[in-house]
């Protein structure tokens, strides 16, 4: 977010604790945030979604609105999220590490998107030593 701000982008930051919510409640919270995002960026010349983890549930909104996206540690085990990323016509790239519990490289390949695996990094994108790469 800082790099985007320094490059002149207006940054909309959604922050929440979704840990105690079920899947439907999480999707509703993300839908509410994307509604606010749409309002805040309605007159923008360019838009970009940069989302991490649970925020990648916004992939449906971004696909519907042809907003380019960077998906950090996307929830590729979630069929709806994977399908939304796969149907993107705007540029989109899923990025994760091979030690991320939510990363499924086979699913990422199926999305048809160019993907980036950062090597032996976990869900926080921190390097993990030892074990598989």
C-alpha atoms as a PDB file:
ATOM      1  CA  UNK A   1       0.000   0.000   0.000  1.00  0.00           C
ATOM      2  CA  UNK A   2       2.841   2.366   0.798  1.00  0.00           C
ATOM      3  CA  UNK A   3       4.485   1.797  -2.581  1.00  0.00           C
ATOM      4  CA  UNK A   4       1.206   2.504  -4.352  1.00  0.00           C
ATOM      5  CA  UNK A   5       0.670   5.670  -2.277  1.00  0.00           C
ATOM      6  CA  UNK A   6       4.166   6.896  -3.051  1.00  0.00           C
ATOM      7  CA  UNK A   7       3.496   6.269  -6.745  1.00  0.00           C
ATOM      8  CA  UNK A   8       0.484   8.604  -6.578  1.00  0.00           C
ATOM      9  CA  UNK A   9      -2.348   6.108  -6.163  1.00  0.00           C
ATOM     10  CA  UNK A  10      -5.210   6.798  -3.769  1.00  0.00           C
ATOM     11  CA  UNK A  11      -5.365   3.760  -1.513  1.00  0.00           C
ATOM     12  CA  UNK A  12      -8.606   2.399  -0.072  1.00  0.00           C
ATOM     13  CA  UNK A  13      -7.795   0.214   2.919  1.00  0.00           C
ATOM     14  CA  UNK A  14     -10.334  -2.220   4.309  1.00  0.00           C
ATOM     15  CA  UNK A  15      -9.464  -3.813   7.619  1.00  0.00           C
ATOM     16  CA  UNK A  16     -11.483  -6.281   9.622  1.00  0.00           C
ATOM     17  CA  UNK A  17     -11.416  -9.324  11.832  1.00  0.00           C
ATOM     18  CA  UNK A  18     -13.260 -12.071   9.996  1.00  0.00           C
ATOM     19  CA  UNK A  19     -11.941 -14.935  12.124  1.00  0.00           C
ATOM     20  CA  UNK A  20     -15.149 -15.507  14.106  1.00  0.00           C
ATOM     21  CA  UNK A  21     -17.425 -15.370  11.060  1.00  0.00           C
ATOM     22  CA  UNK A  22     -18.659 -18.273   8.972  1.00  0.00           C
ATOM     23  CA  UNK A  23     -18.065 -18.345   5.210  1.00  0.00           C
ATOM     24  CA  UNK A  24     -21.348 -16.601   4.321  1.00  0.00           C
ATOM     25  CA  UNK A  25     -20.717 -13.828   6.868  1.00  0.00           C
ATOM     26  CA  UNK A  26     -17.172 -13.361   5.544  1.00  0.00           C
ATOM     27  CA  UNK A  27     -18.458 -13.029   1.978  1.00  0.00           C
ATOM     28  CA  UNK A  28     -21.064 -10.495   3.141  1.00  0.00           C
ATOM     29  CA  UNK A  29     -18.369  -8.421   4.896  1.00  0.00           C
ATOM     30  CA  UNK A  30     -16.182  -8.477   1.788  1.00  0.00           C
ATOM     31  CA  UNK A  31     -19.184  -7.533  -0.384  1.00  0.00           C
ATOM     32  CA  UNK A  32     -19.863  -4.552   1.890  1.00  0.00           C
ATOM     33  CA  UNK A  33     -16.216  -3.448   1.577  1.00  0.00           C
ATOM     34  CA  UNK A  34     -16.290  -3.764  -2.225  1.00  0.00           C
ATOM     35  CA  UNK A  35     -19.451  -1.644  -2.308  1.00  0.00           C
ATOM     36  CA  UNK A  36     -17.551   1.080  -0.413  1.00  0.00           C
ATOM     37  CA  UNK A  37     -14.579   0.617  -2.739  1.00  0.00           C
ATOM     38  CA  UNK A  38     -16.830   1.070  -5.765  1.00  0.00           C
ATOM     39  CA  UNK A  39     -18.243   4.299  -4.290  1.00  0.00           C
ATOM     40  CA  UNK A  40     -14.791   5.675  -3.438  1.00  0.00           C
ATOM     41  CA  UNK A  41     -13.325   4.898  -6.846  1.00  0.00           C
ATOM     42  CA  UNK A  42     -16.317   5.550  -9.102  1.00  0.00           C
ATOM     43  CA  UNK A  43     -14.605   8.471 -10.868  1.00  0.00           C
ATOM     44  CA  UNK A  44     -11.070   7.083 -10.874  1.00  0.00           C
ATOM     45  CA  UNK A  45      -9.235   6.913 -14.185  1.00  0.00           C
ATOM     46  CA  UNK A  46      -7.554   3.688 -13.126  1.00  0.00           C
ATOM     47  CA  UNK A  47      -8.253   1.129 -10.424  1.00  0.00           C
ATOM     48  CA  UNK A  48      -6.254  -1.767  -9.045  1.00  0.00           C
ATOM     49  CA  UNK A  49      -7.152  -4.297  -6.388  1.00  0.00           C
ATOM     50  CA  UNK A  50      -4.329  -5.502  -4.178  1.00  0.00           C
ATOM     51  CA  UNK A  51      -5.786  -8.062  -1.798  1.00  0.00           C
ATOM     52  CA  UNK A  52      -4.408 -10.618   0.619  1.00  0.00           C
ATOM     53  CA  UNK A  53      -5.892 -13.840   1.958  1.00  0.00           C
ATOM     54  CA  UNK A  54      -9.573 -13.425   2.929  1.00  0.00           C
ATOM     55  CA  UNK A  55      -9.691 -10.203   0.908  1.00  0.00           C
ATOM     56  CA  UNK A  56      -9.274 -12.310  -2.228  1.00  0.00           C
ATOM     57  CA  UNK A  57     -12.971 -13.097  -1.833  1.00  0.00           C
ATOM     58  CA  UNK A  58     -13.356  -9.738  -3.607  1.00  0.00           C
ATOM     59  CA  UNK A  59     -12.218 -11.463  -6.803  1.00  0.00           C
ATOM     60  CA  UNK A  60     -15.810 -11.732  -8.040  1.00  0.00           C
ATOM     61  CA  UNK A  61     -16.341  -7.982  -7.760  1.00  0.00           C
ATOM     62  CA  UNK A  62     -13.015  -7.260  -9.445  1.00  0.00           C
ATOM     63  CA  UNK A  63     -13.814  -9.699 -12.276  1.00  0.00           C
ATOM     64  CA  UNK A  64     -17.327  -8.254 -12.732  1.00  0.00           C
ATOM     65  CA  UNK A  65     -15.894  -4.731 -12.925  1.00  0.00           C
ATOM     66  CA  UNK A  66     -12.802  -5.583 -15.005  1.00  0.00           C
ATOM     67  CA  UNK A  67     -10.472  -4.185 -12.353  1.00  0.00           C
ATOM     68  CA  UNK A  68      -6.876  -5.454 -12.609  1.00  0.00           C
ATOM     69  CA  UNK A  69      -5.762  -7.276  -9.490  1.00  0.00           C
ATOM     70  CA  UNK A  70      -2.861  -8.666  -7.532  1.00  0.00           C
ATOM     71  CA  UNK A  71      -3.978 -11.539  -5.309  1.00  0.00           C
ATOM     72  CA  UNK A  72      -1.536 -12.156  -2.448  1.00  0.00           C
ATOM     73  CA  UNK A  73      -1.945 -15.567  -0.824  1.00  0.00           C
ATOM     74  CA  UNK A  74      -5.288 -16.173  -2.554  1.00  0.00           C
ATOM     75  CA  UNK A  75      -7.710 -18.702  -1.125  1.00  0.00           C
ATOM     76  CA  UNK A  76      -7.361 -21.141  -4.010  1.00  0.00           C
ATOM     77  CA  UNK A  77      -9.010 -23.923  -1.976  1.00  0.00           C
ATOM     78  CA  UNK A  78     -12.225 -21.876  -2.144  1.00  0.00           C
ATOM     79  CA  UNK A  79     -13.994 -22.867  -5.372  1.00  0.00           C
ATOM     80  CA  UNK A  80     -15.798 -19.545  -5.736  1.00  0.00           C
ATOM     81  CA  UNK A  81     -12.596 -17.552  -5.282  1.00  0.00           C
ATOM     82  CA  UNK A  82     -10.714 -19.770  -7.739  1.00  0.00           C
ATOM     83  CA  UNK A  83     -13.525 -19.539 -10.310  1.00  0.00           C
ATOM     84  CA  UNK A  84     -13.659 -15.756  -9.974  1.00  0.00           C
ATOM     85  CA  UNK A  85      -9.896 -15.427 -10.458  1.00  0.00           C
ATOM     86  CA  UNK A  86     -10.104 -17.798 -13.441  1.00  0.00           C
ATOM     87  CA  UNK A  87     -12.788 -15.761 -15.216  1.00  0.00           C
ATOM     88  CA  UNK A  88     -10.840 -12.502 -15.025  1.00  0.00           C
ATOM     89  CA  UNK A  89     -10.504 -10.656 -18.306  1.00  0.00           C
ATOM     90  CA  UNK A  90      -8.505  -7.819 -16.733  1.00  0.00           C
ATOM     91  CA  UNK A  91      -4.880  -8.510 -15.832  1.00  0.00           C
ATOM     92  CA  UNK A  92      -4.589 -10.495 -12.617  1.00  0.00           C
ATOM     93  CA  UNK A  93      -1.798 -12.369 -10.910  1.00  0.00           C
ATOM     94  CA  UNK A  94      -1.997 -14.721  -7.917  1.00  0.00           C
ATOM     95  CA  UNK A  95       1.131 -14.575  -5.724  1.00  0.00           C
ATOM     96  CA  UNK A  96       2.080 -16.831  -2.849  1.00  0.00           C
ATOM     97  CA  UNK A  97       4.747 -19.029  -1.379  1.00  0.00           C
ATOM     98  CA  UNK A  98       5.070 -22.794  -1.725  1.00  0.00           C
ATOM     99  CA  UNK A  99       4.684 -23.205   2.061  1.00  0.00           C
ATOM    100  CA  UNK A 100       1.388 -21.277   2.204  1.00  0.00           C
ATOM    101  CA  UNK A 101      -1.430 -23.494   3.465  1.00  0.00           C
ATOM    102  CA  UNK A 102      -3.869 -21.707   1.106  1.00  0.00           C
ATOM    103  CA  UNK A 103      -1.704 -22.067  -2.024  1.00  0.00           C
ATOM    104  CA  UNK A 104      -2.485 -24.816  -4.491  1.00  0.00           C
ATOM    105  CA  UNK A 105      -0.141 -24.577  -7.466  1.00  0.00           C
ATOM    106  CA  UNK A 106      -2.251 -26.978  -9.549  1.00  0.00           C
ATOM    107  CA  UNK A 107      -5.313 -24.766  -8.957  1.00  0.00           C
ATOM    108  CA  UNK A 108      -3.257 -21.663  -9.735  1.00  0.00           C
ATOM    109  CA  UNK A 109      -2.257 -23.249 -13.060  1.00  0.00           C
ATOM    110  CA  UNK A 110      -5.895 -24.102 -13.789  1.00  0.00           C
ATOM    111  CA  UNK A 111      -6.817 -20.433 -13.320  1.00  0.00           C
ATOM    112  CA  UNK A 112      -5.004 -19.717 -16.578  1.00  0.00           C
ATOM    113  CA  UNK A 113      -3.342 -16.694 -14.981  1.00  0.00           C
ATOM    114  CA  UNK A 114       0.349 -16.032 -14.872  1.00  0.00           C
ATOM    115  CA  UNK A 115       1.232 -16.831 -11.284  1.00  0.00           C
ATOM    116  CA  UNK A 116       4.140 -16.118  -9.037  1.00  0.00           C
ATOM    117  CA  UNK A 117       5.362 -18.492  -6.344  1.00  0.00           C
ATOM    118  CA  UNK A 118       7.870 -16.832  -4.029  1.00  0.00           C
ATOM    119  CA  UNK A 119       9.593 -20.059  -3.044  1.00  0.00           C
ATOM    120  CA  UNK A 120       9.475 -21.405   0.501  1.00  0.00           C
ATOM    121  CA  UNK A 121       7.310 -18.659   2.016  1.00  0.00           C
ATOM    122  CA  UNK A 122       4.336 -19.134   4.326  1.00  0.00           C
ATOM    123  CA  UNK A 123       0.903 -17.475   4.314  1.00  0.00           C
ATOM    124  CA  UNK A 124       2.441 -14.298   5.787  1.00  0.00           C
ATOM    125  CA  UNK A 125       4.897 -14.322   2.856  1.00  0.00           C
ATOM    126  CA  UNK A 126       7.747 -14.929   5.299  1.00  0.00           C
ATOM    127  CA  UNK A 127      10.561 -17.340   4.388  1.00  0.00           C
ATOM    128  CA  UNK A 128      10.356 -20.803   5.906  1.00  0.00           C
ATOM    129  CA  UNK A 129      13.550 -22.779   6.361  1.00  0.00           C
ATOM    130  CA  UNK A 130      13.734 -26.545   6.107  1.00  0.00           C
ATOM    131  CA  UNK A 131      11.161 -28.948   4.675  1.00  0.00           C
ATOM    132  CA  UNK A 132       9.732 -28.818   1.171  1.00  0.00           C
ATOM    133  CA  UNK A 133      10.224 -25.823  -1.142  1.00  0.00           C
END
